[in-house]
Amino acid sequence: MTLLNPGLDLTLRPMRYPEFFDRFKDAIKNTWTVEEVDLHTDLADLAKLSPAEQHLVSRLVAFFATGDTIVANNLVLNLYQHVNSPEGRLYLSRQLFEEAVHVQFYLNLLDTYVPDEQQRFEAFAAVENIPSIRRKAEFCFKWIDSIFELRELKTRDDRRAFLLNLICFAACIEGLFFYGAFAYVYFLRSRGVLHGLASGTNWVFRDESMHMAFAFDVVDTVRREEPDLFDADLEKQVTAMMEEAVDCEVQFAEDLLEQGVSGLSPADMRSYLEHVADRRLAVLGMAPRYGSKNPFAFMELQDVQELSNFFERRVSAYQVGVTGTVGFDDDF
């Protein structure tokens, strides 16, 4: 039996993929709640922002309004049914919970940052009304639809189609679209503003890093079990997908920065996005496409602070303390 075999394996013992169960346990340690994030400290900062910075924040929260909902939909509609591992499905169930927390966080963000009800409605409609956000949404929907009718992975082509969907959401959407958004947040933090937003983003950043790590674990597992799926044609398809994702995100950057934000240029954002794209390709064992450097020192520091903890499995620094006791006779 392989990870992508059709069916529904229910057997946790013997455990075939203990690394997936470890990911699940690590995610539990990273539990956080929206109530821990105080966004109200940002209100004075919002009033001090320049018109160009206010436009950036407006577009950013409009993207956040529906971004995680799209990811959650793909997880439920496409990923869960095809990962034939109870350990893997445990992790995906936890990821779905985390996406729900992110959705709640961004709802609070909009309610705090955008007090006008009509403007909030417009933010949630951004996938239809703002061209740069609509293009990103259409990219996501295209890949959701690519395997939506696929009920079982019976053939080699079915498995490749699943891999492309999984790689798209891990590397392009969570790994590029969201990382682009994080860069704007941490740029603003480096300017000494919107620390509440940055605080909440730290938690989301950690979650998204773990989502990517799990997805790439799945890819690596499939590569070991079915190496014939990974050939030059698949690499060409993934690279083309990544190029389209970078183009989408560059258009979004040009929109956010069209009024001229001091210290943050579209050219630098393009370089950063290309750098991130190459990193995702490298993790997939594929050749870099761009060769661009990271122009943002504040993102290099963020990566060191956050990612090192996850990929070295040192998650205790983020664990929410649990109070009280649980009895049940303490006999399990």
C-alpha atoms as a PDB file:
ATOM      1  CA  MET A   1       0.000   0.000   0.000  1.00  0.00           C
ATOM      2  CA  THR A   2       1.186   3.514  -0.805  1.00  0.00           C
ATOM      3  CA  LEU A   3       0.156   6.899   0.529  1.00  0.00           C
ATOM      4  CA  LEU A   4      -1.974   7.764  -2.520  1.00  0.00           C
ATOM      5  CA  ASN A   5      -3.679   4.386  -2.924  1.00  0.00           C
ATOM      6  CA  PRO A   6      -7.475   4.686  -3.274  1.00  0.00           C
ATOM      7  CA  GLY A   7      -9.342   3.681  -0.159  1.00  0.00           C
ATOM      8  CA  LEU A   8      -9.573   4.680   3.473  1.00  0.00           C
ATOM      9  CA  ASP A   9      -6.964   3.134   5.741  1.00  0.00           C
ATOM     10  CA  LEU A  10      -8.138   3.376   9.372  1.00  0.00           C
ATOM     11  CA  THR A  11      -5.240   1.587  11.069  1.00  0.00           C
ATOM     12  CA  LEU A  12      -3.061   3.685  13.358  1.00  0.00           C
ATOM     13  CA  ARG A  13      -1.195   0.593  14.606  1.00  0.00           C
ATOM     14  CA  PRO A  14       1.203  -0.327  13.209  1.00  0.00           C
ATOM     15  CA  MET A  15       1.813   3.301  12.269  1.00  0.00           C
ATOM     16  CA  ARG A  16       3.026   3.579   8.667  1.00  0.00           C
ATOM     17  CA  TYR A  17       3.867   7.294   8.713  1.00  0.00           C
ATOM     18  CA  PRO A  18       4.930   8.312  12.250  1.00  0.00           C
ATOM     19  CA  GLU A  19       6.438  11.549  10.906  1.00  0.00           C
ATOM     20  CA  PHE A  20       2.915  12.745  10.054  1.00  0.00           C
ATOM     21  CA  PHE A  21       1.796  11.991  13.613  1.00  0.00           C
ATOM     22  CA  ASP A  22       4.781  13.996  14.894  1.00  0.00           C
ATOM     23  CA  ARG A  23       3.652  16.944  12.757  1.00  0.00           C
ATOM     24  CA  PHE A  24       0.189  16.656  14.300  1.00  0.00           C
ATOM     25  CA  LYS A  25       1.598  16.687  17.847  1.00  0.00           C
ATOM     26  CA  ASP A  26       3.853  19.654  17.069  1.00  0.00           C
ATOM     27  CA  ALA A  27       0.875  21.580  15.711  1.00  0.00           C
ATOM     28  CA  ILE A  28      -1.072  20.951  18.935  1.00  0.00           C
ATOM     29  CA  LYS A  29       1.810  22.510  20.874  1.00  0.00           C
ATOM     30  CA  ASN A  30       1.482  25.615  18.712  1.00  0.00           C
ATOM     31  CA  THR A  31      -2.120  26.281  19.759  1.00  0.00           C
ATOM     32  CA  TRP A  32      -3.099  29.930  19.993  1.00  0.00           C
ATOM     33  CA  THR A  33      -6.321  31.907  20.116  1.00  0.00           C
ATOM     34  CA  VAL A  34      -7.418  35.102  18.431  1.00  0.00           C
ATOM     35  CA  GLU A  35      -8.170  36.642  21.825  1.00  0.00           C
ATOM     36  CA  GLU A  36      -4.422  36.716  22.573  1.00  0.00           C
ATOM     37  CA  VAL A  37      -3.861  39.289  19.817  1.00  0.00           C
ATOM     38  CA  ASP A  38      -4.562  42.925  20.720  1.00  0.00           C
ATOM     39  CA  LEU A  39      -5.207  44.778  17.466  1.00  0.00           C
ATOM     40  CA  HIS A  40      -6.568  47.869  19.171  1.00  0.00           C
ATOM     41  CA  THR A  41      -3.039  49.091  19.833  1.00  0.00           C
ATOM     42  CA  ASP A  42      -2.775  49.600  16.057  1.00  0.00           C
ATOM     43  CA  LEU A  43      -5.558  52.179  15.781  1.00  0.00           C
ATOM     44  CA  ALA A  44      -3.331  55.161  16.584  1.00  0.00           C
ATOM     45  CA  ASP A  45      -0.771  53.905  14.050  1.00  0.00           C
ATOM     46  CA  LEU A  46      -3.375  53.615  11.297  1.00  0.00           C
ATOM     47  CA  ALA A  47      -4.227  57.292  11.707  1.00  0.00           C
ATOM     48  CA  LYS A  48      -0.551  58.237  11.306  1.00  0.00           C
ATOM     49  CA  LEU A  49       0.085  56.281   8.112  1.00  0.00           C
ATOM     50  CA  SER A  50       0.641  58.136   4.848  1.00  0.00           C
ATOM     51  CA  PRO A  51      -2.055  57.805   2.146  1.00  0.00           C
ATOM     52  CA  ALA A  52       0.226  55.371   0.269  1.00  0.00           C
ATOM     53  CA  GLU A  53       0.680  53.230   3.374  1.00  0.00           C
ATOM     54  CA  GLN A  54      -3.049  53.324   4.088  1.00  0.00           C
ATOM     55  CA  HIS A  55      -3.680  52.062   0.552  1.00  0.00           C
ATOM     56  CA  LEU A  56      -1.195  49.233   1.152  1.00  0.00           C
ATOM     57  CA  VAL A  57      -2.941  48.206   4.368  1.00  0.00           C
ATOM     58  CA  SER A  58      -6.372  48.448   2.739  1.00  0.00           C
ATOM     59  CA  ARG A  59      -5.383  46.103  -0.078  1.00  0.00           C
ATOM     60  CA  LEU A  60      -3.614  43.769   2.333  1.00  0.00           C
ATOM     61  CA  VAL A  61      -6.614  43.278   4.604  1.00  0.00           C
ATOM     62  CA  ALA A  62      -8.816  42.793   1.522  1.00  0.00           C
ATOM     63  CA  PHE A  63      -6.605  39.863   0.512  1.00  0.00           C
ATOM     64  CA  PHE A  64      -6.624  38.473   4.052  1.00  0.00           C
ATOM     65  CA  ALA A  65     -10.436  38.583   4.090  1.00  0.00           C
ATOM     66  CA  THR A  66     -10.790  35.410   2.021  1.00  0.00           C
ATOM     67  CA  GLY A  67      -7.290  33.969   1.538  1.00  0.00           C
ATOM     68  CA  ASP A  68      -7.412  31.314   4.256  1.00  0.00           C
ATOM     69  CA  THR A  69     -10.988  30.354   3.401  1.00  0.00           C
ATOM     70  CA  ILE A  70      -9.817  29.411  -0.095  1.00  0.00           C
ATOM     71  CA  VAL A  71      -7.040  27.236   1.348  1.00  0.00           C
ATOM     72  CA  ALA A  72      -9.477  25.550   3.742  1.00  0.00           C
ATOM     73  CA  ASN A  73     -11.840  24.763   0.870  1.00  0.00           C
ATOM     74  CA  ASN A  74      -9.096  22.985  -1.070  1.00  0.00           C
ATOM     75  CA  LEU A  75      -8.075  21.052   2.014  1.00  0.00           C
ATOM     76  CA  VAL A  76     -11.610  19.748   2.543  1.00  0.00           C
ATOM     77  CA  LEU A  77     -12.616  19.284  -1.092  1.00  0.00           C
ATOM     78  CA  ASN A  78      -9.390  17.810  -2.445  1.00  0.00           C
ATOM     79  CA  LEU A  79      -6.581  16.947  -0.049  1.00  0.00           C
ATOM     80  CA  TYR A  80      -8.234  15.081   2.819  1.00  0.00           C
ATOM     81  CA  GLN A  81      -9.863  12.379   0.714  1.00  0.00           C
ATOM     82  CA  HIS A  82      -6.699  11.435  -1.198  1.00  0.00           C
ATOM     83  CA  VAL A  83      -4.080  11.212   1.582  1.00  0.00           C
ATOM     84  CA  ASN A  84      -4.677   7.587   2.562  1.00  0.00           C
ATOM     85  CA  SER A  85      -3.050   7.704   5.963  1.00  0.00           C
ATOM     86  CA  PRO A  86      -4.886   8.143   9.263  1.00  0.00           C
ATOM     87  CA  GLU A  87      -1.825   9.941  10.659  1.00  0.00           C
ATOM     88  CA  GLY A  88      -1.833  12.295   7.690  1.00  0.00           C
ATOM     89  CA  ARG A  89      -5.549  12.947   8.031  1.00  0.00           C
ATOM     90  CA  LEU A  90      -5.032  13.755  11.711  1.00  0.00           C
ATOM     91  CA  TYR A  91      -2.646  16.496  10.674  1.00  0.00           C
ATOM     92  CA  LEU A  92      -4.991  17.773   7.961  1.00  0.00           C
ATOM     93  CA  SER A  93      -7.841  17.948  10.480  1.00  0.00           C
ATOM     94  CA  ARG A  94      -5.603  20.046  12.694  1.00  0.00           C
ATOM     95  CA  GLN A  95      -4.663  22.239   9.745  1.00  0.00           C
ATOM     96  CA  LEU A  96      -8.340  22.834   9.034  1.00  0.00           C
ATOM     97  CA  PHE A  97      -8.787  24.025  12.622  1.00  0.00           C
ATOM     98  CA  GLU A  98      -5.846  26.395  12.185  1.00  0.00           C
ATOM     99  CA  GLU A  99      -7.302  27.791   8.959  1.00  0.00           C
ATOM    100  CA  ALA A 100     -10.506  28.493  10.884  1.00  0.00           C
ATOM    101  CA  VAL A 101      -8.513  30.389  13.533  1.00  0.00           C
ATOM    102  CA  HIS A 102      -6.842  32.414  10.772  1.00  0.00           C
ATOM    103  CA  VAL A 103     -10.227  33.237   9.275  1.00  0.00           C
ATOM    104  CA  GLN A 104     -11.397  34.453  12.686  1.00  0.00           C
ATOM    105  CA  PHE A 105      -8.213  36.483  13.144  1.00  0.00           C
ATOM    106  CA  TYR A 106      -8.678  38.247   9.821  1.00  0.00           C
ATOM    107  CA  LEU A 107     -12.349  38.840  10.577  1.00  0.00           C
ATOM    108  CA  ASN A 108     -11.270  40.583  13.792  1.00  0.00           C
ATOM    109  CA  LEU A 109      -8.668  42.459  11.782  1.00  0.00           C
ATOM    110  CA  LEU A 110     -11.276  43.829   9.393  1.00  0.00           C
ATOM    111  CA  ASP A 111     -13.712  44.664  12.185  1.00  0.00           C
ATOM    112  CA  THR A 112     -10.969  46.605  13.976  1.00  0.00           C
ATOM    113  CA  TYR A 113      -9.268  48.271  11.040  1.00  0.00           C
ATOM    114  CA  VAL A 114     -12.367  48.972   8.936  1.00  0.00           C
ATOM    115  CA  PRO A 115     -15.153  50.280  11.185  1.00  0.00           C
ATOM    116  CA  ASP A 116     -17.406  51.181   8.254  1.00  0.00           C
ATOM    117  CA  GLU A 117     -19.719  48.248   7.497  1.00  0.00           C
ATOM    118  CA  GLN A 118     -19.984  48.970   3.765  1.00  0.00           C
ATOM    119  CA  GLN A 119     -16.197  49.094   3.432  1.00  0.00           C
ATOM    120  CA  ARG A 120     -15.966  45.717   5.163  1.00  0.00           C
ATOM    121  CA  PHE A 121     -18.427  44.254   2.676  1.00  0.00           C
ATOM    122  CA  GLU A 122     -16.272  45.650  -0.122  1.00  0.00           C
ATOM    123  CA  ALA A 123     -13.178  44.012   1.390  1.00  0.00           C
ATOM    124  CA  PHE A 124     -14.857  40.612   1.394  1.00  0.00           C
ATOM    125  CA  ALA A 125     -15.904  41.188  -2.231  1.00  0.00           C
ATOM    126  CA  ALA A 126     -12.328  41.969  -3.277  1.00  0.00           C
ATOM    127  CA  VAL A 127     -11.999  38.616  -5.082  1.00  0.00           C
ATOM    128  CA  GLU A 128     -14.583  39.956  -7.520  1.00  0.00           C
ATOM    129  CA  ASN A 129     -13.902  43.687  -7.589  1.00  0.00           C
ATOM    130  CA  ILE A 130     -10.146  44.277  -7.184  1.00  0.00           C
ATOM    131  CA  PRO A 131      -8.292  42.991 -10.272  1.00  0.00           C
ATOM    132  CA  SER A 132      -5.030  42.082  -8.534  1.00  0.00           C
ATOM    133  CA  ILE A 133      -6.851  40.075  -5.855  1.00  0.00           C
ATOM    134  CA  ARG A 134      -9.271  38.570  -8.372  1.00  0.00           C
ATOM    135  CA  ARG A 135      -6.335  37.269 -10.418  1.00  0.00           C
ATOM    136  CA  LYS A 136      -4.871  35.507  -7.391  1.00  0.00           C
ATOM    137  CA  ALA A 137      -8.269  34.023  -6.533  1.00  0.00           C
ATOM    138  CA  GLU A 138      -8.754  32.777 -10.098  1.00  0.00           C
ATOM    139  CA  PHE A 139      -5.345  31.100  -9.929  1.00  0.00           C
ATOM    140  CA  CYS A 140      -6.427  29.321  -6.732  1.00  0.00           C
ATOM    141  CA  PHE A 141      -9.829  28.309  -8.106  1.00  0.00           C
ATOM    142  CA  LYS A 142      -8.230  26.921 -11.262  1.00  0.00           C
ATOM    143  CA  TRP A 143      -6.141  24.511  -9.217  1.00  0.00           C
ATOM    144  CA  ILE A 144      -9.018  23.617  -6.876  1.00  0.00           C
ATOM    145  CA  ASP A 145     -11.095  22.737  -9.930  1.00  0.00           C
ATOM    146  CA  SER A 146      -8.226  20.746 -11.479  1.00  0.00           C
ATOM    147  CA  ILE A 147      -8.973  17.700  -9.297  1.00  0.00           C
ATOM    148  CA  PHE A 148     -12.407  18.533  -7.875  1.00  0.00           C
ATOM    149  CA  GLU A 149     -14.074  15.787  -9.938  1.00  0.00           C
ATOM    150  CA  LEU A 150     -11.331  13.278  -9.155  1.00  0.00           C
ATOM    151  CA  ARG A 151     -12.807  10.838  -6.655  1.00  0.00           C
ATOM    152  CA  GLU A 152      -9.976   8.273  -6.616  1.00  0.00           C
ATOM    153  CA  LEU A 153      -6.317   8.347  -7.656  1.00  0.00           C
ATOM    154  CA  LYS A 154      -6.462   5.270  -9.863  1.00  0.00           C
ATOM    155  CA  THR A 155      -3.865   6.117 -12.500  1.00  0.00           C
ATOM    156  CA  ARG A 156      -0.444   7.679 -12.775  1.00  0.00           C
ATOM    157  CA  ASP A 157      -2.035  10.790 -14.298  1.00  0.00           C
ATOM    158  CA  ASP A 158      -4.449  11.015 -11.358  1.00  0.00           C
ATOM    159  CA  ARG A 159      -1.571  10.967  -8.891  1.00  0.00           C
ATOM    160  CA  ARG A 160       0.350  13.597 -10.820  1.00  0.00           C
ATOM    161  CA  ALA A 161      -2.731  15.817 -10.888  1.00  0.00           C
ATOM    162  CA  PHE A 162      -3.032  15.455  -7.110  1.00  0.00           C
ATOM    163  CA  LEU A 163       0.655  16.271  -6.628  1.00  0.00           C
ATOM    164  CA  LEU A 164       0.291  19.429  -8.706  1.00  0.00           C
ATOM    165  CA  ASN A 165      -2.646  20.571  -6.586  1.00  0.00           C
ATOM    166  CA  LEU A 166      -0.793  19.816  -3.344  1.00  0.00           C
ATOM    167  CA  ILE A 167       2.363  21.573  -4.531  1.00  0.00           C
ATOM    168  CA  CYS A 168       0.376  24.554  -5.760  1.00  0.00           C
ATOM    169  CA  PHE A 169      -1.296  25.196  -2.414  1.00  0.00           C
ATOM    170  CA  ALA A 170       1.847  24.542  -0.366  1.00  0.00           C
ATOM    171  CA  ALA A 171       4.472  26.254  -2.508  1.00  0.00           C
ATOM    172  CA  CYS A 172       2.528  28.886  -4.459  1.00  0.00           C
ATOM    173  CA  ILE A 173      -0.376  29.912  -2.252  1.00  0.00           C
ATOM    174  CA  GLU A 174       0.705  29.335   1.346  1.00  0.00           C
ATOM    175  CA  GLY A 175       4.384  29.507   0.416  1.00  0.00           C
ATOM    176  CA  LEU A 176       4.322  32.549  -1.890  1.00  0.00           C
ATOM    177  CA  PHE A 177       1.033  34.490  -1.749  1.00  0.00           C
ATOM    178  CA  PHE A 178       0.970  34.406   2.049  1.00  0.00           C
ATOM    179  CA  TYR A 179       4.697  35.009   2.405  1.00  0.00           C
ATOM    180  CA  GLY A 180       4.356  38.064   0.195  1.00  0.00           C
ATOM    181  CA  ALA A 181       1.617  39.319   2.520  1.00  0.00           C
ATOM    182  CA  PHE A 182       3.785  38.613   5.568  1.00  0.00           C
ATOM    183  CA  ALA A 183       6.575  40.706   4.053  1.00  0.00           C
ATOM    184  CA  TYR A 184       4.334  43.791   3.981  1.00  0.00           C
ATOM    185  CA  VAL A 185       3.361  43.234   7.616  1.00  0.00           C
ATOM    186  CA  TYR A 186       6.955  42.857   8.754  1.00  0.00           C
ATOM    187  CA  PHE A 187       8.023  45.862   6.684  1.00  0.00           C
ATOM    188  CA  LEU A 188       5.492  47.956   8.580  1.00  0.00           C
ATOM    189  CA  ARG A 189       6.712  46.485  11.860  1.00  0.00           C
ATOM    190  CA  SER A 190      10.269  47.435  10.901  1.00  0.00           C
ATOM    191  CA  ARG A 191       8.966  51.007  10.576  1.00  0.00           C
ATOM    192  CA  GLY A 192       7.655  50.821  14.150  1.00  0.00           C
ATOM    193  CA  VAL A 193       3.933  50.559  13.384  1.00  0.00           C
ATOM    194  CA  LEU A 194       1.099  48.002  13.563  1.00  0.00           C
ATOM    195  CA  HIS A 195       2.705  45.771  16.170  1.00  0.00           C
ATOM    196  CA  GLY A 196      -0.659  44.153  16.921  1.00  0.00           C
ATOM    197  CA  LEU A 197      -0.972  42.982  13.329  1.00  0.00           C
ATOM    198  CA  ALA A 198       2.625  41.726  13.411  1.00  0.00           C
ATOM    199  CA  SER A 199       1.972  39.850  16.658  1.00  0.00           C
ATOM    200  CA  GLY A 200      -0.966  37.970  15.158  1.00  0.00           C
ATOM    201  CA  THR A 201       0.948  37.423  11.944  1.00  0.00           C
ATOM    202  CA  ASN A 202       3.720  35.714  13.930  1.00  0.00           C
ATOM    203  CA  TRP A 203       1.271  32.984  14.883  1.00  0.00           C
ATOM    204  CA  VAL A 204      -0.096  32.685  11.345  1.00  0.00           C
ATOM    205  CA  PHE A 205       3.472  32.588   9.985  1.00  0.00           C
ATOM    206  CA  ARG A 206       4.304  29.683  12.270  1.00  0.00           C
ATOM    207  CA  ASP A 207       1.171  27.781  11.256  1.00  0.00           C
ATOM    208  CA  GLU A 208       1.792  28.324   7.551  1.00  0.00           C
ATOM    209  CA  SER A 209       5.397  27.187   7.910  1.00  0.00           C
ATOM    210  CA  MET A 210       4.177  23.935   9.428  1.00  0.00           C
ATOM    211  CA  HIS A 211       1.510  23.517   6.726  1.00  0.00           C
ATOM    212  CA  MET A 212       4.224  23.732   4.097  1.00  0.00           C
ATOM    213  CA  ALA A 213       6.480  21.340   5.995  1.00  0.00           C
ATOM    214  CA  PHE A 214       3.725  18.724   6.156  1.00  0.00           C
ATOM    215  CA  ALA A 215       2.837  19.100   2.473  1.00  0.00           C
ATOM    216  CA  PHE A 216       6.485  18.722   1.490  1.00  0.00           C
ATOM    217  CA  ASP A 217       6.682  15.633   3.744  1.00  0.00           C
ATOM    218  CA  VAL A 218       3.812  14.183   1.709  1.00  0.00           C
ATOM    219  CA  VAL A 219       5.607  15.018  -1.535  1.00  0.00           C
ATOM    220  CA  ASP A 220       8.822  13.403  -0.278  1.00  0.00           C
ATOM    221  CA  THR A 221       6.903  10.295   0.814  1.00  0.00           C
ATOM    222  CA  VAL A 222       5.247   9.934  -2.585  1.00  0.00           C
ATOM    223  CA  ARG A 223       8.637  10.460  -4.245  1.00  0.00           C
ATOM    224  CA  ARG A 224      10.060   7.524  -2.251  1.00  0.00           C
ATOM    225  CA  GLU A 225       7.068   5.288  -2.925  1.00  0.00           C
ATOM    226  CA  GLU A 226       6.410   6.209  -6.553  1.00  0.00           C
ATOM    227  CA  PRO A 227       9.556   7.843  -7.972  1.00  0.00           C
ATOM    228  CA  ASP A 228       8.329   7.451 -11.547  1.00  0.00           C
ATOM    229  CA  LEU A 229       5.829  10.275 -10.925  1.00  0.00           C
ATOM    230  CA  PHE A 230       8.697  12.776 -10.651  1.00  0.00           C
ATOM    231  CA  ASP A 231      10.179  13.453 -14.044  1.00  0.00           C
ATOM    232  CA  ALA A 232      11.227  16.377 -16.228  1.00  0.00           C
ATOM    233  CA  ASP A 233       7.638  16.949 -17.328  1.00  0.00           C
ATOM    234  CA  LEU A 234       6.401  17.345 -13.743  1.00  0.00           C
ATOM    235  CA  GLU A 235       9.259  19.746 -12.969  1.00  0.00           C
ATOM    236  CA  LYS A 236       8.344  21.769 -16.055  1.00  0.00           C
ATOM    237  CA  GLN A 237       4.708  21.942 -14.945  1.00  0.00           C
ATOM    238  CA  VAL A 238       5.627  22.987 -11.407  1.00  0.00           C
ATOM    239  CA  THR A 239       8.034  25.651 -12.658  1.00  0.00           C
ATOM    240  CA  ALA A 240       5.375  27.063 -14.995  1.00  0.00           C
ATOM    241  CA  MET A 241       2.893  27.085 -12.107  1.00  0.00           C
ATOM    242  CA  MET A 242       5.389  28.947  -9.931  1.00  0.00           C
ATOM    243  CA  GLU A 243       6.056  31.488 -12.682  1.00  0.00           C
ATOM    244  CA  GLU A 244       2.335  32.213 -12.946  1.00  0.00           C
ATOM    245  CA  ALA A 245       2.076  32.568  -9.165  1.00  0.00           C
ATOM    246  CA  VAL A 246       4.986  35.039  -9.121  1.00  0.00           C
ATOM    247  CA  ASP A 247       3.329  37.039 -11.914  1.00  0.00           C
ATOM    248  CA  CYS A 248       0.081  37.163  -9.914  1.00  0.00           C
ATOM    249  CA  GLU A 249       1.870  38.310  -6.791  1.00  0.00           C
ATOM    250  CA  VAL A 250       3.930  40.912  -8.662  1.00  0.00           C
ATOM    251  CA  GLN A 251       0.685  42.411 -10.002  1.00  0.00           C
ATOM    252  CA  PHE A 252      -0.610  42.521  -6.426  1.00  0.00           C
ATOM    253  CA  ALA A 253       2.613  44.241  -5.306  1.00  0.00           C
ATOM    254  CA  GLU A 254       2.284  46.851  -8.039  1.00  0.00           C
ATOM    255  CA  ASP A 255      -1.272  47.505  -6.833  1.00  0.00           C
ATOM    256  CA  LEU A 256      -0.289  47.808  -3.163  1.00  0.00           C
ATOM    257  CA  LEU A 257       2.684  50.048  -3.894  1.00  0.00           C
ATOM    258  CA  GLU A 258       1.256  52.099  -6.759  1.00  0.00           C
ATOM    259  CA  GLN A 259       1.173  55.289  -4.680  1.00  0.00           C
ATOM    260  CA  GLY A 260       4.826  54.995  -3.701  1.00  0.00           C
ATOM    261  CA  VAL A 261       5.664  53.613  -0.247  1.00  0.00           C
ATOM    262  CA  SER A 262       8.974  54.936   1.016  1.00  0.00           C
ATOM    263  CA  GLY A 263      11.457  52.110   1.578  1.00  0.00           C
ATOM    264  CA  LEU A 264       9.475  49.439  -0.269  1.00  0.00           C
ATOM    265  CA  SER A 265       9.640  49.301  -4.053  1.00  0.00           C
ATOM    266  CA  PRO A 266       7.890  46.995  -6.547  1.00  0.00           C
ATOM    267  CA  ALA A 267      11.326  45.973  -7.826  1.00  0.00           C
ATOM    268  CA  ASP A 268      12.409  44.841  -4.367  1.00  0.00           C
ATOM    269  CA  MET A 269       9.132  42.965  -3.881  1.00  0.00           C
ATOM    270  CA  ARG A 270       9.657  41.203  -7.198  1.00  0.00           C
ATOM    271  CA  SER A 271      13.164  40.160  -6.123  1.00  0.00           C
ATOM    272  CA  TYR A 272      11.845  38.899  -2.803  1.00  0.00           C
ATOM    273  CA  LEU A 273       9.055  36.906  -4.463  1.00  0.00           C
ATOM    274  CA  GLU A 274      11.468  35.384  -6.968  1.00  0.00           C
ATOM    275  CA  HIS A 275      13.820  34.488  -4.100  1.00  0.00           C
ATOM    276  CA  VAL A 276      10.984  32.767  -2.224  1.00  0.00           C
ATOM    277  CA  ALA A 277       9.884  30.938  -5.385  1.00  0.00           C
ATOM    278  CA  ASP A 278      13.401  29.552  -5.841  1.00  0.00           C
ATOM    279  CA  ARG A 279      13.417  28.382  -2.221  1.00  0.00           C
ATOM    280  CA  ARG A 280      10.182  26.475  -2.745  1.00  0.00           C
ATOM    281  CA  LEU A 281      11.565  24.850  -5.901  1.00  0.00           C
ATOM    282  CA  ALA A 282      14.729  23.878  -4.024  1.00  0.00           C
ATOM    283  CA  VAL A 283      12.725  22.127  -1.292  1.00  0.00           C
ATOM    284  CA  LEU A 284      10.990  20.183  -4.063  1.00  0.00           C
ATOM    285  CA  GLY A 285      14.371  19.132  -5.448  1.00  0.00           C
ATOM    286  CA  MET A 286      13.931  21.257  -8.554  1.00  0.00           C
ATOM    287  CA  ALA A 287      16.193  23.748 -10.272  1.00  0.00           C
ATOM    288  CA  PRO A 288      15.901  27.441  -9.333  1.00  0.00           C
ATOM    289  CA  ARG A 289      14.102  29.625 -11.835  1.00  0.00           C
ATOM    290  CA  TYR A 290      15.206  33.163 -10.966  1.00  0.00           C
ATOM    291  CA  GLY A 291      18.448  33.363  -8.984  1.00  0.00           C
ATOM    292  CA  SER A 292      17.241  36.472  -7.135  1.00  0.00           C
ATOM    293  CA  LYS A 293      18.502  37.569  -3.727  1.00  0.00           C
ATOM    294  CA  ASN A 294      16.364  38.494  -0.740  1.00  0.00           C
ATOM    295  CA  PRO A 295      16.501  42.308  -0.491  1.00  0.00           C
ATOM    296  CA  PHE A 296      14.711  42.399   2.885  1.00  0.00           C
ATOM    297  CA  ALA A 297      16.904  41.961   5.945  1.00  0.00           C
ATOM    298  CA  PHE A 298      13.792  42.034   8.140  1.00  0.00           C
ATOM    299  CA  MET A 299      12.514  38.877   6.414  1.00  0.00           C
ATOM    300  CA  GLU A 300      15.842  37.078   6.766  1.00  0.00           C
ATOM    301  CA  LEU A 301      15.631  37.723  10.519  1.00  0.00           C
ATOM    302  CA  GLN A 302      12.013  36.559  10.593  1.00  0.00           C
ATOM    303  CA  ASP A 303      12.928  33.301   8.867  1.00  0.00           C
ATOM    304  CA  VAL A 304      15.742  32.652  11.347  1.00  0.00           C
ATOM    305  CA  GLN A 305      13.526  33.367  14.348  1.00  0.00           C
ATOM    306  CA  GLU A 306      10.518  31.356  13.252  1.00  0.00           C
ATOM    307  CA  LEU A 307      11.475  28.642  10.774  1.00  0.00           C
ATOM    308  CA  SER A 308      14.472  27.347  12.680  1.00  0.00           C
ATOM    309  CA  ASN A 309      12.160  26.410  15.524  1.00  0.00           C
ATOM    310  CA  PHE A 310       9.862  24.398  13.309  1.00  0.00           C
ATOM    311  CA  PHE A 311      12.327  22.600  11.134  1.00  0.00           C
ATOM    312  CA  GLU A 312      14.436  21.722  14.138  1.00  0.00           C
ATOM    313  CA  ARG A 313      11.274  20.690  15.993  1.00  0.00           C
ATOM    314  CA  ARG A 314      11.854  23.175  18.842  1.00  0.00           C
ATOM    315  CA  VAL A 315       8.281  24.306  19.282  1.00  0.00           C
ATOM    316  CA  SER A 316       8.110  24.650  23.056  1.00  0.00           C
ATOM    317  CA  ALA A 317       8.770  28.397  22.849  1.00  0.00           C
ATOM    318  CA  TYR A 318       5.370  28.835  21.240  1.00  0.00           C
ATOM    319  CA  GLN A 319       3.354  26.417  23.312  1.00  0.00           C
ATOM    320  CA  VAL A 320       0.308  27.829  25.033  1.00  0.00           C
ATOM    321  CA  GLY A 321       0.302  27.022  28.717  1.00  0.00           C
ATOM    322  CA  VAL A 322      -2.474  24.722  29.914  1.00  0.00           C
ATOM    323  CA  THR A 323      -3.901  25.229  33.378  1.00  0.00           C
ATOM    324  CA  GLY A 324      -6.048  22.956  35.495  1.00  0.00           C
ATOM    325  CA  THR A 325      -5.951  19.197  35.795  1.00  0.00           C
ATOM    326  CA  VAL A 326      -7.446  16.246  33.983  1.00  0.00           C
ATOM    327  CA  GLY A 327      -8.342  13.205  35.999  1.00  0.00           C
ATOM    328  CA  PHE A 328     -10.153  10.274  34.434  1.00  0.00           C
ATOM    329  CA  ASP A 329      -8.347   8.201  37.115  1.00  0.00           C
ATOM    330  CA  ASP A 330      -5.045   8.934  35.305  1.00  0.00           C
ATOM    331  CA  ASP A 331      -5.085   5.407  33.891  1.00  0.00           C
ATOM    332  CA  PHE A 332      -4.883   5.307  30.089  1.00  0.00           C
END
